[in-house]
């Protein structure tokens, strides 16, 4: 793992309340950005311990998924002031100088702030940048059809992206951009407190799970984000390029519907 990506990863761990990473054979390394001892940590050595932690998390999730109403997010009811403050913070954000310069507007998300189901994508595209709403282009039209096939409407769910600004020419999000936007996504999920999250594509899955594993290996599986079951599936844009994969996504959505039914939603 390159040094700059390791530092961004440690920053994300700190946002989740993890202050230190202990690697066997190395001095403790602080998520605050420093090392407890004088020797420099080998970033690649951190990965096995993180994978072990992820394995333990998945094992714990097997017992928790039977009770999907229990989440690890704060239960304090957010106020309209909290929501508007977050929206204003995102609108005024200039942490990513390039995106702040090239965007037409930020894309907070849309739908119900009391939604039991949240869809998280990658980043706004040209249509989203123009309208200030997520998933309104061709991929968004396909997502709408998927939601309606589940017996829901866009107003009953919440839809957002990892990034709140469109990357120029729809390029993939840069690691630093993800690190800057991840706290906003975290706050959105804390406000909404969904019963289930659907992560659409590589960037959403990797950002929420803090993993390097790709969507190909995770698609169709439930993982856990802050105690919330999270389905990993393909992004609608990928389905437009590979329509033969639509059946797999529908199978994933049936698992999501079943879980919501079991939770009494």
Protein backbone atom coordinates (compact mmCIF):
# COMPACT_ATOMS: atom_id res chain seq x y z
CA UNK A 1 0.00 0.00 0.00
CA UNK A 2 1.58 3.37 -1.01
CA UNK A 3 2.47 5.69 1.87
CA UNK A 4 -0.06 8.38 0.88
CA UNK A 5 -2.89 5.83 0.69
CA UNK A 6 -1.84 4.40 4.08
CA UNK A 7 -2.09 7.86 5.66
CA UNK A 8 -5.53 8.42 4.13
CA UNK A 9 -6.61 5.01 5.43
CA UNK A 10 -5.39 5.87 8.92
CA UNK A 11 -7.29 9.17 8.73
CA UNK A 12 -10.46 7.23 7.93
CA UNK A 13 -9.83 4.90 10.88
CA UNK A 14 -9.54 7.92 13.17
CA UNK A 15 -12.92 9.19 11.92
CA UNK A 16 -14.37 5.85 13.05
CA UNK A 17 -12.91 6.30 16.54
CA UNK A 18 -9.87 4.00 16.10
CA UNK A 19 -6.80 5.72 17.53
CA UNK A 20 -4.13 3.02 17.16
CA UNK A 21 -3.30 0.12 14.84
CA UNK A 22 -1.21 -2.66 16.38
CA UNK A 23 0.83 -4.79 13.96
CA UNK A 24 2.64 -7.86 15.21
CA UNK A 25 6.37 -7.30 15.22
CA UNK A 26 6.06 -3.52 14.89
CA UNK A 27 5.62 -0.68 17.33
CA UNK A 28 2.02 0.58 17.73
CA UNK A 29 1.07 3.07 15.02
CA UNK A 30 -1.26 5.91 15.84
CA UNK A 31 -4.23 6.84 13.65
CA UNK A 32 -3.50 10.39 14.76
CA UNK A 33 -0.74 10.35 12.18
CA UNK A 34 2.32 9.27 14.16
CA UNK A 35 4.17 6.27 15.50
CA UNK A 36 4.50 5.44 19.17
CA UNK A 37 8.11 4.31 18.71
CA UNK A 38 10.94 5.64 16.61
CA UNK A 39 11.03 3.00 13.85
CA UNK A 40 8.94 3.55 10.69
CA UNK A 41 6.02 1.12 10.17
CA UNK A 42 5.85 -1.01 7.04
CA UNK A 43 2.51 -0.05 5.46
CA UNK A 44 2.19 -3.43 3.73
CA UNK A 45 2.43 -5.16 7.11
CA UNK A 46 -0.69 -3.34 8.27
CA UNK A 47 -2.87 -5.00 5.63
CA UNK A 48 -2.90 -8.56 7.12
CA UNK A 49 -4.00 -7.24 10.52
CA UNK A 50 -6.75 -5.18 8.90
CA UNK A 51 -7.92 -8.23 6.98
CA UNK A 52 -7.98 -10.23 10.21
CA UNK A 53 -10.10 -7.50 11.81
CA UNK A 54 -12.45 -7.59 8.83
CA UNK A 55 -12.77 -11.40 9.15
CA UNK A 56 -13.69 -11.02 12.83
CA UNK A 57 -16.22 -8.32 11.93
CA UNK A 58 -17.85 -10.58 9.33
CA UNK A 59 -18.11 -13.40 11.87
CA UNK A 60 -19.84 -11.08 14.35
CA UNK A 61 -22.18 -9.88 11.62
CA UNK A 62 -23.53 -13.41 11.06
CA UNK A 63 -25.22 -13.26 14.44
CA UNK A 64 -26.26 -9.60 14.14
CA UNK A 65 -27.94 -9.94 10.74
CA UNK A 66 -30.69 -11.96 12.39
CA UNK A 67 -31.67 -8.74 14.18
CA UNK A 68 -31.25 -6.05 11.49
CA UNK A 69 -33.04 -3.43 13.58
CA UNK A 70 -29.99 -3.13 15.81
CA UNK A 71 -27.46 -0.64 14.44
CA UNK A 72 -24.25 0.84 15.73
CA UNK A 73 -25.21 4.40 14.81
CA UNK A 74 -26.23 6.96 17.38
CA UNK A 75 -29.95 6.86 18.19
CA UNK A 76 -30.37 10.58 18.93
CA UNK A 77 -32.99 11.98 16.56
CA UNK A 78 -31.47 14.59 14.23
CA UNK A 79 -33.11 17.97 13.91
CA UNK A 80 -33.79 19.92 10.73
CA UNK A 81 -31.00 22.23 11.85
CA UNK A 82 -28.56 19.28 11.87
CA UNK A 83 -29.57 18.31 8.34
CA UNK A 84 -29.42 21.83 6.96
CA UNK A 85 -26.08 22.44 8.65
CA UNK A 86 -24.64 19.37 6.96
CA UNK A 87 -26.14 20.38 3.62
CA UNK A 88 -24.63 23.87 3.94
CA UNK A 89 -21.26 22.42 4.92
CA UNK A 90 -21.24 20.26 1.79
CA UNK A 91 -22.35 23.14 -0.42
CA UNK A 92 -19.53 25.33 0.86
CA UNK A 93 -16.87 22.61 0.88
CA UNK A 94 -13.63 23.43 -0.94
CA UNK A 95 -11.41 20.67 0.45
CA UNK A 96 -10.92 19.32 -3.07
CA UNK A 97 -9.70 22.39 -4.95
CA UNK A 98 -10.16 20.88 -8.40
CA UNK A 99 -13.71 19.68 -7.77
CA UNK A 100 -14.72 22.95 -6.11
CA UNK A 101 -13.49 24.80 -9.18
CA UNK A 102 -15.09 22.58 -11.85
CA UNK A 103 -18.43 21.64 -10.25
CA UNK A 104 -21.65 23.45 -11.07
CA UNK A 105 -23.13 22.47 -7.72
CA UNK A 106 -22.83 19.86 -5.00
CA UNK A 107 -25.13 16.84 -4.88
CA UNK A 108 -26.26 16.16 -1.31
CA UNK A 109 -28.62 13.29 -2.06
CA UNK A 110 -32.38 12.85 -2.37
CA UNK A 111 -35.23 10.89 -0.86
CA UNK A 112 -36.55 10.32 2.63
CA UNK A 113 -34.39 11.18 5.62
CA UNK A 114 -36.36 8.49 7.45
CA UNK A 115 -35.66 5.85 4.81
CA UNK A 116 -35.10 2.25 5.85
CA UNK A 117 -33.06 1.66 2.69
CA UNK A 118 -30.16 3.77 1.41
CA UNK A 119 -28.40 3.41 -1.94
CA UNK A 120 -24.81 4.70 -2.12
CA UNK A 121 -23.11 5.24 -5.47
CA UNK A 122 -19.75 6.57 -6.62
CA UNK A 123 -20.00 10.21 -7.67
CA UNK A 124 -22.28 12.62 -9.55
CA UNK A 125 -22.11 12.67 -13.33
CA UNK A 126 -22.86 15.46 -15.80
CA UNK A 127 -26.66 15.23 -15.38
CA UNK A 128 -26.38 15.16 -11.60
CA UNK A 129 -23.99 18.12 -11.60
CA UNK A 130 -26.47 20.04 -13.73
CA UNK A 131 -29.58 19.25 -11.64
CA UNK A 132 -28.07 18.88 -8.17
CA UNK A 133 -29.76 15.49 -7.73
CA UNK A 134 -28.22 11.99 -7.61
CA UNK A 135 -28.80 9.31 -10.24
CA UNK A 136 -30.85 11.26 -12.78
CA UNK A 137 -29.00 10.18 -15.94
CA UNK A 138 -29.31 6.85 -17.76
CA UNK A 139 -27.85 4.92 -14.82
CA UNK A 140 -30.27 6.72 -12.53
CA UNK A 141 -33.23 5.77 -14.70
CA UNK A 142 -32.18 2.13 -14.39
CA UNK A 143 -31.82 2.50 -10.61
CA UNK A 144 -35.34 3.96 -10.49
CA UNK A 145 -36.66 0.88 -12.30
CA UNK A 146 -34.87 -1.39 -9.82
CA UNK A 147 -36.34 0.52 -6.87
CA UNK A 148 -39.84 0.38 -8.36
CA UNK A 149 -39.45 -3.35 -9.03
CA UNK A 150 -38.78 -3.71 -5.30
CA UNK A 151 -42.21 -2.16 -4.64
CA UNK A 152 -40.76 1.18 -3.54
CA UNK A 153 -40.39 4.69 -4.91
CA UNK A 154 -37.42 7.03 -4.89
CA UNK A 155 -39.23 9.12 -2.29
CA UNK A 156 -39.27 6.14 0.10
CA UNK A 157 -35.53 5.47 -0.04
CA UNK A 158 -32.49 7.72 0.16
CA UNK A 159 -29.97 7.93 -2.68
CA UNK A 160 -26.54 9.52 -2.46
CA UNK A 161 -22.93 9.14 -3.56
CA UNK A 162 -19.55 8.85 -1.90
CA UNK A 163 -18.41 12.09 -3.58
CA UNK A 164 -20.68 15.11 -3.46
CA UNK A 165 -19.06 16.79 -6.50
CA UNK A 166 -18.61 15.59 -10.05
CA UNK A 167 -15.01 14.64 -10.94
CA UNK A 168 -13.97 16.27 -14.23
CA UNK A 169 -14.81 14.13 -17.26
CA UNK A 170 -16.39 11.58 -14.92
CA UNK A 171 -12.97 10.22 -13.94
CA UNK A 172 -12.80 7.86 -10.93
CA UNK A 173 -12.62 9.55 -7.51
CA UNK A 174 -9.09 10.16 -6.25
CA UNK A 175 -8.13 8.70 -2.83
CA UNK A 176 -7.82 12.18 -1.30
CA UNK A 177 -11.28 13.13 -2.60
CA UNK A 178 -12.79 10.01 -1.04
CA UNK A 179 -11.04 10.78 2.26
CA UNK A 180 -12.44 14.33 2.24
CA UNK A 181 -16.01 13.25 1.41
CA UNK A 182 -16.22 10.14 3.56
CA UNK A 183 -17.09 12.07 6.77
CA UNK A 184 -20.06 13.66 4.95
CA UNK A 185 -21.37 10.24 3.93
CA UNK A 186 -20.85 8.99 7.47
CA UNK A 187 -22.91 11.89 8.85
CA UNK A 188 -25.68 11.28 6.32
CA UNK A 189 -25.98 7.66 7.41
CA UNK A 190 -25.95 8.72 11.07
CA UNK A 191 -28.85 11.08 10.35
CA UNK A 192 -30.91 8.57 8.37
CA UNK A 193 -30.12 5.40 10.38
CA UNK A 194 -31.27 2.97 7.66
CA UNK A 195 -32.03 -0.68 8.29
CA UNK A 196 -30.14 -1.70 5.12
CA UNK A 197 -27.55 -0.06 2.86
CA UNK A 198 -26.98 -1.00 -0.78
CA UNK A 199 -23.45 -0.15 -1.96
CA UNK A 200 -23.36 0.30 -5.73
CA UNK A 201 -20.02 -0.56 -7.28
CA UNK A 202 -16.35 -0.57 -6.31
CA UNK A 203 -15.97 2.91 -4.85
CA UNK A 204 -19.01 2.71 -2.60
CA UNK A 205 -18.06 -0.74 -1.33
CA UNK A 206 -14.42 0.12 -0.71
CA UNK A 207 -15.24 3.44 0.96
CA UNK A 208 -17.83 2.04 3.35
CA UNK A 209 -15.97 -1.17 4.19
CA UNK A 210 -12.48 0.37 4.10
CA UNK A 211 -11.26 -2.59 2.08
CA UNK A 212 -9.18 -3.11 -1.02
CA UNK A 213 -11.33 -6.04 -2.14
CA UNK A 214 -13.28 -5.32 -5.31
CA UNK A 215 -16.94 -5.66 -6.17
CA UNK A 216 -16.34 -8.82 -8.22
CA UNK A 217 -15.52 -10.78 -5.10
CA UNK A 218 -18.06 -9.10 -2.82
CA UNK A 219 -21.10 -8.82 -5.11
CA UNK A 220 -24.17 -10.54 -3.71
CA UNK A 221 -22.92 -10.63 -0.12
CA UNK A 222 -24.07 -8.80 2.99
CA UNK A 223 -21.32 -7.04 4.89
CA UNK A 224 -21.60 -4.66 7.82
CA UNK A 225 -21.26 -0.92 8.14
CA UNK A 226 -21.56 0.43 11.69
CA UNK A 227 -23.82 -2.49 12.60
CA UNK A 228 -26.01 -2.04 9.51
CA UNK A 229 -26.34 -4.85 6.94
CA UNK A 230 -24.89 -3.68 3.64
CA UNK A 231 -25.50 -5.40 0.31
CA UNK A 232 -22.65 -5.13 -2.19
CA UNK A 233 -23.82 -5.08 -5.80
CA UNK A 234 -23.01 -3.71 -9.24
CA UNK A 235 -23.43 -0.05 -10.15
CA UNK A 236 -26.28 0.65 -12.63
CA UNK A 237 -23.74 2.22 -15.02
CA UNK A 238 -22.01 -1.16 -15.21
CA UNK A 239 -25.34 -2.82 -15.99
CA UNK A 240 -25.81 -0.45 -18.93
CA UNK A 241 -22.51 -1.73 -20.32
CA UNK A 242 -23.17 -5.36 -19.32
CA UNK A 243 -26.95 -5.93 -19.44
CA UNK A 244 -26.47 -9.65 -18.93
CA UNK A 245 -25.54 -8.94 -15.30
CA UNK A 246 -28.92 -7.41 -14.45
CA UNK A 247 -30.22 -10.78 -13.23
CA UNK A 248 -27.47 -10.93 -10.59
CA UNK A 249 -28.40 -7.50 -9.25
CA UNK A 250 -32.05 -8.48 -9.09
CA UNK A 251 -31.07 -11.54 -7.04
CA UNK A 252 -29.21 -9.19 -4.71
CA UNK A 253 -32.25 -6.93 -4.38
CA UNK A 254 -34.43 -9.91 -3.51
CA UNK A 255 -32.07 -10.61 -0.61
CA UNK A 256 -32.45 -6.99 0.48
CA UNK A 257 -36.26 -7.20 0.29
CA UNK A 258 -36.23 -10.39 2.31
CA UNK A 259 -34.11 -8.79 5.00
CA UNK A 260 -36.41 -5.76 5.17
CA UNK A 261 -39.44 -8.09 5.38
CA UNK A 262 -37.83 -10.00 8.25
CA UNK A 263 -37.27 -6.68 10.02
CA UNK A 264 -40.96 -5.88 9.65
CA UNK A 265 -40.41 -3.01 7.21
